[in-house]
Amino acid sequence: MRIRKKPWTKQELAENPFVLRNPEQYARKIADYFNNDNPLHLELGCGKGRFISTTANNNPNVNHIAVEREPTVLAVAARLAKQMCQAEQTEQTEQKSAQLIFLELDAAKLCDYFNPQEISRLYINFCDPWPRRKKWAKRRLTHTNFLKIYESLQIPEIFFKTDNRILFEFSINQFSENGWIMRNISLDLHNSNFEDNVKTEYEEKFSKLGPIYRLEAYKF
């Protein structure tokens, strides 16, 4: 997601209770941070944060991590999470009401921070389709190179959404070629019978321009 730089980014990342600071100390032992046995769901690229914050609030018995490589995007999303938390709290407004943290990290480095079988679900929502040049296809988060990373971490399920048909067709082929089983494939999510969709800000804005595509991919 592209977003204008915010002058308060550095301070937000330093003070926001939802941001995992000094993440190196939790590398390959994220479970120590949550200190529970809840399953872990991870979102790659968090946008402005509404999806992961809403999902975490709706599922308090699941640990959630939003991974984002752009500091400003991360700060915007973490600020929203804090605001949503404060709106729900009646006493200690800085106390987190959901098991949620934001981690500044490139998706290519997931294996440096997580162990196999640690992530039980991966969300990929409206990632950059990298449409202009063929050689850019390897940057797509559903490219074989990334699927191999997810496979090495033994992530059993991936929930994927996009508004880009070319990316969706590309992703179907990549999942299929890498042995993932796809279910609940939707070519028009908002006009389907799927009931548990949590909209991202991007989805809310651009769904009027065309259909939203969604699928679930399973392995292990």
C-alpha atoms as a PDB file:
ATOM      1  CA  MET A   1       0.000   0.000   0.000  1.00  0.00           C
ATOM      2  CA  ARG A   2       1.292   3.463  -0.918  1.00  0.00           C
ATOM      3  CA  ILE A   3       0.681   6.191   1.609  1.00  0.00           C
ATOM      4  CA  ARG A   4       2.081   9.648   2.216  1.00  0.00           C
ATOM      5  CA  LYS A   5       4.737   9.866   4.892  1.00  0.00           C
ATOM      6  CA  LYS A   6       3.458  11.044   8.259  1.00  0.00           C
ATOM      7  CA  PRO A   7       5.628  13.256  10.491  1.00  0.00           C
ATOM      8  CA  TRP A   8       4.453  11.324  13.535  1.00  0.00           C
ATOM      9  CA  THR A   9       5.431   7.887  12.197  1.00  0.00           C
ATOM     10  CA  LYS A  10       8.586   7.440  14.269  1.00  0.00           C
ATOM     11  CA  GLN A  11       6.925   8.488  17.518  1.00  0.00           C
ATOM     12  CA  GLU A  12       3.880   6.299  16.884  1.00  0.00           C
ATOM     13  CA  LEU A  13       6.047   3.243  16.274  1.00  0.00           C
ATOM     14  CA  ALA A  14       8.044   3.986  19.421  1.00  0.00           C
ATOM     15  CA  GLU A  15       5.064   4.497  21.738  1.00  0.00           C
ATOM     16  CA  ASN A  16       2.163   2.468  20.348  1.00  0.00           C
ATOM     17  CA  PRO A  17       1.514  -0.582  22.582  1.00  0.00           C
ATOM     18  CA  PHE A  18       0.477  -2.672  19.570  1.00  0.00           C
ATOM     19  CA  VAL A  19       3.856  -2.341  17.826  1.00  0.00           C
ATOM     20  CA  LEU A  20       6.419  -5.039  18.517  1.00  0.00           C
ATOM     21  CA  ARG A  21       9.580  -3.118  19.317  1.00  0.00           C
ATOM     22  CA  ASN A  22      12.993  -4.789  19.293  1.00  0.00           C
ATOM     23  CA  PRO A  23      11.496  -7.707  17.344  1.00  0.00           C
ATOM     24  CA  GLU A  24      14.893  -9.432  17.156  1.00  0.00           C
ATOM     25  CA  GLN A  25      14.448 -10.645  20.719  1.00  0.00           C
ATOM     26  CA  TYR A  26      11.306 -12.494  19.664  1.00  0.00           C
ATOM     27  CA  ALA A  27      12.743 -13.941  16.453  1.00  0.00           C
ATOM     28  CA  ARG A  28      11.532 -17.541  16.103  1.00  0.00           C
ATOM     29  CA  LYS A  29       9.863 -17.330  19.523  1.00  0.00           C
ATOM     30  CA  ILE A  30       6.887 -15.044  18.919  1.00  0.00           C
ATOM     31  CA  ALA A  31       4.812 -17.276  21.176  1.00  0.00           C
ATOM     32  CA  ASP A  32       6.807 -15.909  24.117  1.00  0.00           C
ATOM     33  CA  TYR A  33       5.315 -12.471  23.461  1.00  0.00           C
ATOM     34  CA  PHE A  34       1.706 -13.648  23.582  1.00  0.00           C
ATOM     35  CA  ASN A  35       2.366 -16.076  26.444  1.00  0.00           C
ATOM     36  CA  ASN A  36      -0.537 -18.352  25.574  1.00  0.00           C
ATOM     37  CA  ASP A  37      -1.372 -21.379  23.435  1.00  0.00           C
ATOM     38  CA  ASN A  38      -3.797 -19.636  21.094  1.00  0.00           C
ATOM     39  CA  PRO A  39      -3.512 -20.264  17.341  1.00  0.00           C
ATOM     40  CA  LEU A  40      -1.655 -17.576  15.401  1.00  0.00           C
ATOM     41  CA  HIS A  41      -3.122 -15.809  12.347  1.00  0.00           C
ATOM     42  CA  LEU A  42      -0.908 -13.501  10.303  1.00  0.00           C
ATOM     43  CA  GLU A  43      -1.732 -10.825   7.729  1.00  0.00           C
ATOM     44  CA  LEU A  44       0.855  -9.899   5.102  1.00  0.00           C
ATOM     45  CA  GLY A  45       0.529  -6.199   4.380  1.00  0.00           C
ATOM     46  CA  CYS A  46      -1.918  -4.526   6.738  1.00  0.00           C
ATOM     47  CA  GLY A  47      -3.104  -1.483   4.762  1.00  0.00           C
ATOM     48  CA  LYS A  48      -4.686   1.018   7.138  1.00  0.00           C
ATOM     49  CA  GLY A  49      -5.365  -1.728   9.655  1.00  0.00           C
ATOM     50  CA  ARG A  50      -9.131  -2.054   9.775  1.00  0.00           C
ATOM     51  CA  PHE A  51      -9.194  -5.686   8.638  1.00  0.00           C
ATOM     52  CA  ILE A  52      -6.722  -7.071  11.169  1.00  0.00           C
ATOM     53  CA  SER A  53      -7.996  -4.914  14.050  1.00  0.00           C
ATOM     54  CA  THR A  54     -11.604  -5.907  13.413  1.00  0.00           C
ATOM     55  CA  THR A  55     -10.699  -9.563  12.931  1.00  0.00           C
ATOM     56  CA  ALA A  56      -8.643  -9.593  16.132  1.00  0.00           C
ATOM     57  CA  ASN A  57     -11.434  -7.949  18.127  1.00  0.00           C
ATOM     58  CA  ASN A  58     -13.915 -10.485  16.756  1.00  0.00           C
ATOM     59  CA  ASN A  59     -11.658 -13.423  17.671  1.00  0.00           C
ATOM     60  CA  PRO A  60     -10.083 -12.774  21.112  1.00  0.00           C
ATOM     61  CA  ASN A  61      -8.982 -16.414  21.444  1.00  0.00           C
ATOM     62  CA  VAL A  62      -6.672 -16.127  18.440  1.00  0.00           C
ATOM     63  CA  ASN A  63      -3.312 -14.337  18.346  1.00  0.00           C
ATOM     64  CA  HIS A  64      -2.942 -11.958  15.402  1.00  0.00           C
ATOM     65  CA  ILE A  65       0.125 -10.435  13.782  1.00  0.00           C
ATOM     66  CA  ALA A  66       0.136  -7.873  10.980  1.00  0.00           C
ATOM     67  CA  VAL A  67       3.385  -7.816   9.025  1.00  0.00           C
ATOM     68  CA  GLU A  68       4.207  -4.675   7.048  1.00  0.00           C
ATOM     69  CA  ARG A  69       7.504  -3.470   5.568  1.00  0.00           C
ATOM     70  CA  GLU A  70       6.566   0.211   5.166  1.00  0.00           C
ATOM     71  CA  PRO A  71       6.950   2.086   8.498  1.00  0.00           C
ATOM     72  CA  THR A  72       4.332   4.753   7.735  1.00  0.00           C
ATOM     73  CA  VAL A  73       1.735   2.164   6.742  1.00  0.00           C
ATOM     74  CA  LEU A  74       2.523   0.233   9.903  1.00  0.00           C
ATOM     75  CA  ALA A  75       2.162   3.359  12.035  1.00  0.00           C
ATOM     76  CA  VAL A  76      -1.211   4.230  10.496  1.00  0.00           C
ATOM     77  CA  ALA A  77      -2.536   0.711  11.097  1.00  0.00           C
ATOM     78  CA  ALA A  78      -1.221   0.520  14.658  1.00  0.00           C
ATOM     79  CA  ARG A  79      -2.735   3.913  15.464  1.00  0.00           C
ATOM     80  CA  LEU A  80      -6.142   2.671  14.291  1.00  0.00           C
ATOM     81  CA  ALA A  81      -5.792  -0.444  16.454  1.00  0.00           C
ATOM     82  CA  LYS A  82      -5.045   1.754  19.464  1.00  0.00           C
ATOM     83  CA  GLN A  83      -8.011   4.018  18.717  1.00  0.00           C
ATOM     84  CA  MET A  84     -10.348   1.035  18.368  1.00  0.00           C
ATOM     85  CA  CYS A  85      -9.052  -0.330  21.648  1.00  0.00           C
ATOM     86  CA  GLN A  86      -9.544   2.981  23.436  1.00  0.00           C
ATOM     87  CA  ALA A  87     -13.096   3.218  22.130  1.00  0.00           C
ATOM     88  CA  GLU A  88     -13.916  -0.175  23.653  1.00  0.00           C
ATOM     89  CA  GLN A  89     -12.164   0.223  26.982  1.00  0.00           C
ATOM     90  CA  THR A  90     -14.057   1.722  29.920  1.00  0.00           C
ATOM     91  CA  GLU A  91     -11.132   1.978  32.351  1.00  0.00           C
ATOM     92  CA  GLN A  92      -7.543   1.315  31.275  1.00  0.00           C
ATOM     93  CA  THR A  93      -7.518   2.682  27.728  1.00  0.00           C
ATOM     94  CA  GLU A  94      -3.963   1.576  27.009  1.00  0.00           C
ATOM     95  CA  GLN A  95      -4.691  -2.025  27.905  1.00  0.00           C
ATOM     96  CA  LYS A  96      -5.022  -4.117  24.776  1.00  0.00           C
ATOM     97  CA  SER A  97      -8.392  -5.776  24.332  1.00  0.00           C
ATOM     98  CA  ALA A  98      -7.223  -8.085  21.539  1.00  0.00           C
ATOM     99  CA  GLN A  99      -4.246 -10.375  21.006  1.00  0.00           C
ATOM    100  CA  LEU A 100      -2.728  -8.274  18.231  1.00  0.00           C
ATOM    101  CA  ILE A 101       0.707  -6.942  17.363  1.00  0.00           C
ATOM    102  CA  PHE A 102       2.201  -5.148  14.366  1.00  0.00           C
ATOM    103  CA  LEU A 103       5.614  -6.170  13.090  1.00  0.00           C
ATOM    104  CA  GLU A 104       7.803  -4.222  10.659  1.00  0.00           C
ATOM    105  CA  LEU A 105       9.114  -6.959   8.382  1.00  0.00           C
ATOM    106  CA  ASP A 106       9.500  -7.871   4.728  1.00  0.00           C
ATOM    107  CA  ALA A 107       7.500 -10.952   3.734  1.00  0.00           C
ATOM    108  CA  ALA A 108      10.646 -12.514   2.276  1.00  0.00           C
ATOM    109  CA  LYS A 109      12.085 -12.722   5.817  1.00  0.00           C
ATOM    110  CA  LEU A 110       9.233 -14.587   7.485  1.00  0.00           C
ATOM    111  CA  CYS A 111      11.425 -17.623   8.097  1.00  0.00           C
ATOM    112  CA  ASP A 112      13.780 -15.481  10.180  1.00  0.00           C
ATOM    113  CA  TYR A 113      11.015 -14.776  12.693  1.00  0.00           C
ATOM    114  CA  PHE A 114       8.636 -17.730  12.655  1.00  0.00           C
ATOM    115  CA  ASN A 115       8.964 -21.470  13.161  1.00  0.00           C
ATOM    116  CA  PRO A 116       7.302 -24.213  11.106  1.00  0.00           C
ATOM    117  CA  GLN A 117       3.708 -24.913  12.196  1.00  0.00           C
ATOM    118  CA  GLU A 118       3.614 -21.681  14.212  1.00  0.00           C
ATOM    119  CA  ILE A 119       1.277 -19.793  11.842  1.00  0.00           C
ATOM    120  CA  SER A 120      -2.091 -21.491  11.446  1.00  0.00           C
ATOM    121  CA  ARG A 121      -3.623 -19.036   8.957  1.00  0.00           C
ATOM    122  CA  LEU A 122      -2.258 -16.460   6.538  1.00  0.00           C
ATOM    123  CA  TYR A 123      -4.273 -13.516   5.191  1.00  0.00           C
ATOM    124  CA  ILE A 124      -3.210 -11.836   1.948  1.00  0.00           C
ATOM    125  CA  ASN A 125      -5.550  -8.944   1.165  1.00  0.00           C
ATOM    126  CA  PHE A 126      -5.225  -6.742  -1.917  1.00  0.00           C
ATOM    127  CA  CYS A 127      -1.487  -7.083  -2.316  1.00  0.00           C
ATOM    128  CA  ASP A 128       0.316  -5.193  -5.068  1.00  0.00           C
ATOM    129  CA  PRO A 129      -0.443  -6.983  -8.367  1.00  0.00           C
ATOM    130  CA  TRP A 130       2.822  -5.799  -9.975  1.00  0.00           C
ATOM    131  CA  PRO A 131       1.106  -5.705 -13.386  1.00  0.00           C
ATOM    132  CA  ARG A 132       3.398  -3.771 -15.705  1.00  0.00           C
ATOM    133  CA  ARG A 133       6.387  -6.010 -16.341  1.00  0.00           C
ATOM    134  CA  LYS A 134       6.626  -9.784 -16.596  1.00  0.00           C
ATOM    135  CA  LYS A 135       9.747  -9.908 -14.462  1.00  0.00           C
ATOM    136  CA  TRP A 136       7.826  -8.240 -11.640  1.00  0.00           C
ATOM    137  CA  ALA A 137       5.607 -11.322 -11.222  1.00  0.00           C
ATOM    138  CA  LYS A 138       8.091 -12.790  -8.737  1.00  0.00           C
ATOM    139  CA  ARG A 139       7.289  -9.900  -6.392  1.00  0.00           C
ATOM    140  CA  ARG A 140       3.666 -11.004  -6.046  1.00  0.00           C
ATOM    141  CA  LEU A 141       2.907 -12.505  -2.656  1.00  0.00           C
ATOM    142  CA  THR A 142       1.293 -15.503  -4.360  1.00  0.00           C
ATOM    143  CA  HIS A 143       4.277 -16.219  -6.608  1.00  0.00           C
ATOM    144  CA  THR A 144       5.916 -19.634  -6.308  1.00  0.00           C
ATOM    145  CA  ASN A 145       8.885 -18.081  -4.495  1.00  0.00           C
ATOM    146  CA  PHE A 146       6.627 -16.866  -1.686  1.00  0.00           C
ATOM    147  CA  LEU A 147       4.522 -20.025  -1.684  1.00  0.00           C
ATOM    148  CA  LYS A 148       7.722 -21.963  -0.996  1.00  0.00           C
ATOM    149  CA  ILE A 149       8.306 -19.748   2.055  1.00  0.00           C
ATOM    150  CA  TYR A 150       4.776 -20.412   3.325  1.00  0.00           C
ATOM    151  CA  GLU A 151       5.260 -24.110   2.646  1.00  0.00           C
ATOM    152  CA  SER A 152       8.556 -24.189   4.555  1.00  0.00           C
ATOM    153  CA  LEU A 153       6.685 -22.687   7.518  1.00  0.00           C
ATOM    154  CA  GLN A 154       3.967 -25.324   7.070  1.00  0.00           C
ATOM    155  CA  ILE A 155       1.192 -22.752   6.992  1.00  0.00           C
ATOM    156  CA  PRO A 156      -1.917 -24.879   6.450  1.00  0.00           C
ATOM    157  CA  GLU A 157      -4.296 -22.274   5.020  1.00  0.00           C
ATOM    158  CA  ILE A 158      -4.186 -19.014   3.109  1.00  0.00           C
ATOM    159  CA  PHE A 159      -7.149 -16.654   2.677  1.00  0.00           C
ATOM    160  CA  PHE A 160      -6.607 -14.443  -0.354  1.00  0.00           C
ATOM    161  CA  LYS A 161      -8.554 -11.425  -1.683  1.00  0.00           C
ATOM    162  CA  THR A 162      -7.937  -9.091  -4.604  1.00  0.00           C
ATOM    163  CA  ASP A 163      -9.775  -6.857  -7.037  1.00  0.00           C
ATOM    164  CA  ASN A 164      -7.291  -7.626  -9.815  1.00  0.00           C
ATOM    165  CA  ARG A 165      -8.496 -10.413 -12.096  1.00  0.00           C
ATOM    166  CA  ILE A 166      -5.080 -10.952 -13.684  1.00  0.00           C
ATOM    167  CA  LEU A 167      -3.515 -11.411 -10.254  1.00  0.00           C
ATOM    168  CA  PHE A 168      -6.337 -13.725  -9.193  1.00  0.00           C
ATOM    169  CA  GLU A 169      -5.930 -15.968 -12.254  1.00  0.00           C
ATOM    170  CA  PHE A 170      -2.164 -15.927 -11.779  1.00  0.00           C
ATOM    171  CA  SER A 171      -2.595 -16.900  -8.121  1.00  0.00           C
ATOM    172  CA  ILE A 172      -4.925 -19.785  -8.933  1.00  0.00           C
ATOM    173  CA  ASN A 173      -2.288 -21.186 -11.279  1.00  0.00           C
ATOM    174  CA  GLN A 174       0.497 -20.710  -8.729  1.00  0.00           C
ATOM    175  CA  PHE A 175      -1.458 -22.397  -5.941  1.00  0.00           C
ATOM    176  CA  SER A 176      -2.390 -25.276  -8.226  1.00  0.00           C
ATOM    177  CA  GLU A 177       1.161 -25.789  -9.498  1.00  0.00           C
ATOM    178  CA  ASN A 178       2.460 -25.895  -5.935  1.00  0.00           C
ATOM    179  CA  GLY A 179       0.002 -28.483  -4.674  1.00  0.00           C
ATOM    180  CA  TRP A 180      -2.425 -26.266  -2.759  1.00  0.00           C
ATOM    181  CA  ILE A 181      -6.098 -27.266  -2.691  1.00  0.00           C
ATOM    182  CA  MET A 182      -8.442 -24.326  -3.304  1.00  0.00           C
ATOM    183  CA  ARG A 183     -11.914 -23.947  -1.863  1.00  0.00           C
ATOM    184  CA  ASN A 184     -14.599 -21.288  -1.598  1.00  0.00           C
ATOM    185  CA  ILE A 185     -13.468 -19.593  -4.793  1.00  0.00           C
ATOM    186  CA  SER A 186     -15.527 -16.473  -5.451  1.00  0.00           C
ATOM    187  CA  LEU A 187     -15.463 -14.345  -8.595  1.00  0.00           C
ATOM    188  CA  ASP A 188     -17.750 -11.742  -7.014  1.00  0.00           C
ATOM    189  CA  LEU A 189     -17.431 -11.894  -3.254  1.00  0.00           C
ATOM    190  CA  HIS A 190     -19.856  -9.118  -2.367  1.00  0.00           C
ATOM    191  CA  ASN A 191     -22.639 -10.735  -4.386  1.00  0.00           C
ATOM    192  CA  SER A 192     -21.991 -14.223  -3.025  1.00  0.00           C
ATOM    193  CA  ASN A 193     -23.373 -16.107  -0.032  1.00  0.00           C
ATOM    194  CA  PHE A 194     -20.150 -15.701   1.963  1.00  0.00           C
ATOM    195  CA  GLU A 195     -21.121 -14.176   5.319  1.00  0.00           C
ATOM    196  CA  ASP A 196     -17.906 -13.660   7.295  1.00  0.00           C
ATOM    197  CA  ASN A 197     -16.139 -11.135   5.103  1.00  0.00           C
ATOM    198  CA  VAL A 198     -14.357  -8.296   6.917  1.00  0.00           C
ATOM    199  CA  LYS A 199     -13.783  -5.446   4.483  1.00  0.00           C
ATOM    200  CA  THR A 200     -10.514  -3.583   4.240  1.00  0.00           C
ATOM    201  CA  GLU A 201     -10.500   0.180   3.633  1.00  0.00           C
ATOM    202  CA  TYR A 202      -9.298  -0.463   0.087  1.00  0.00           C
ATOM    203  CA  GLU A 203     -12.072  -2.981  -0.478  1.00  0.00           C
ATOM    204  CA  GLU A 204     -14.724  -0.568   0.785  1.00  0.00           C
ATOM    205  CA  LYS A 205     -13.504   2.128  -1.589  1.00  0.00           C
ATOM    206  CA  PHE A 206     -12.857   0.204  -4.777  1.00  0.00           C
ATOM    207  CA  SER A 207     -15.438  -2.594  -4.737  1.00  0.00           C
ATOM    208  CA  LYS A 208     -17.864  -0.260  -6.514  1.00  0.00           C
ATOM    209  CA  LEU A 209     -15.570  -0.290  -9.535  1.00  0.00           C
ATOM    210  CA  GLY A 210     -15.663  -4.046 -10.043  1.00  0.00           C
ATOM    211  CA  PRO A 211     -15.902  -7.473  -8.375  1.00  0.00           C
ATOM    212  CA  ILE A 212     -13.797  -8.687  -5.472  1.00  0.00           C
ATOM    213  CA  TYR A 213     -12.156 -12.086  -5.938  1.00  0.00           C
ATOM    214  CA  ARG A 214     -11.514 -14.449  -3.058  1.00  0.00           C
ATOM    215  CA  LEU A 215     -10.235 -17.954  -2.432  1.00  0.00           C
ATOM    216  CA  GLU A 216      -8.991 -20.200   0.331  1.00  0.00           C
ATOM    217  CA  ALA A 217      -5.924 -22.385  -0.262  1.00  0.00           C
ATOM    218  CA  TYR A 218      -5.119 -25.390   1.928  1.00  0.00           C
ATOM    219  CA  LYS A 219      -2.125 -27.642   2.467  1.00  0.00           C
ATOM    220  CA  PHE A 220      -0.715 -30.010   5.120  1.00  0.00           C
END
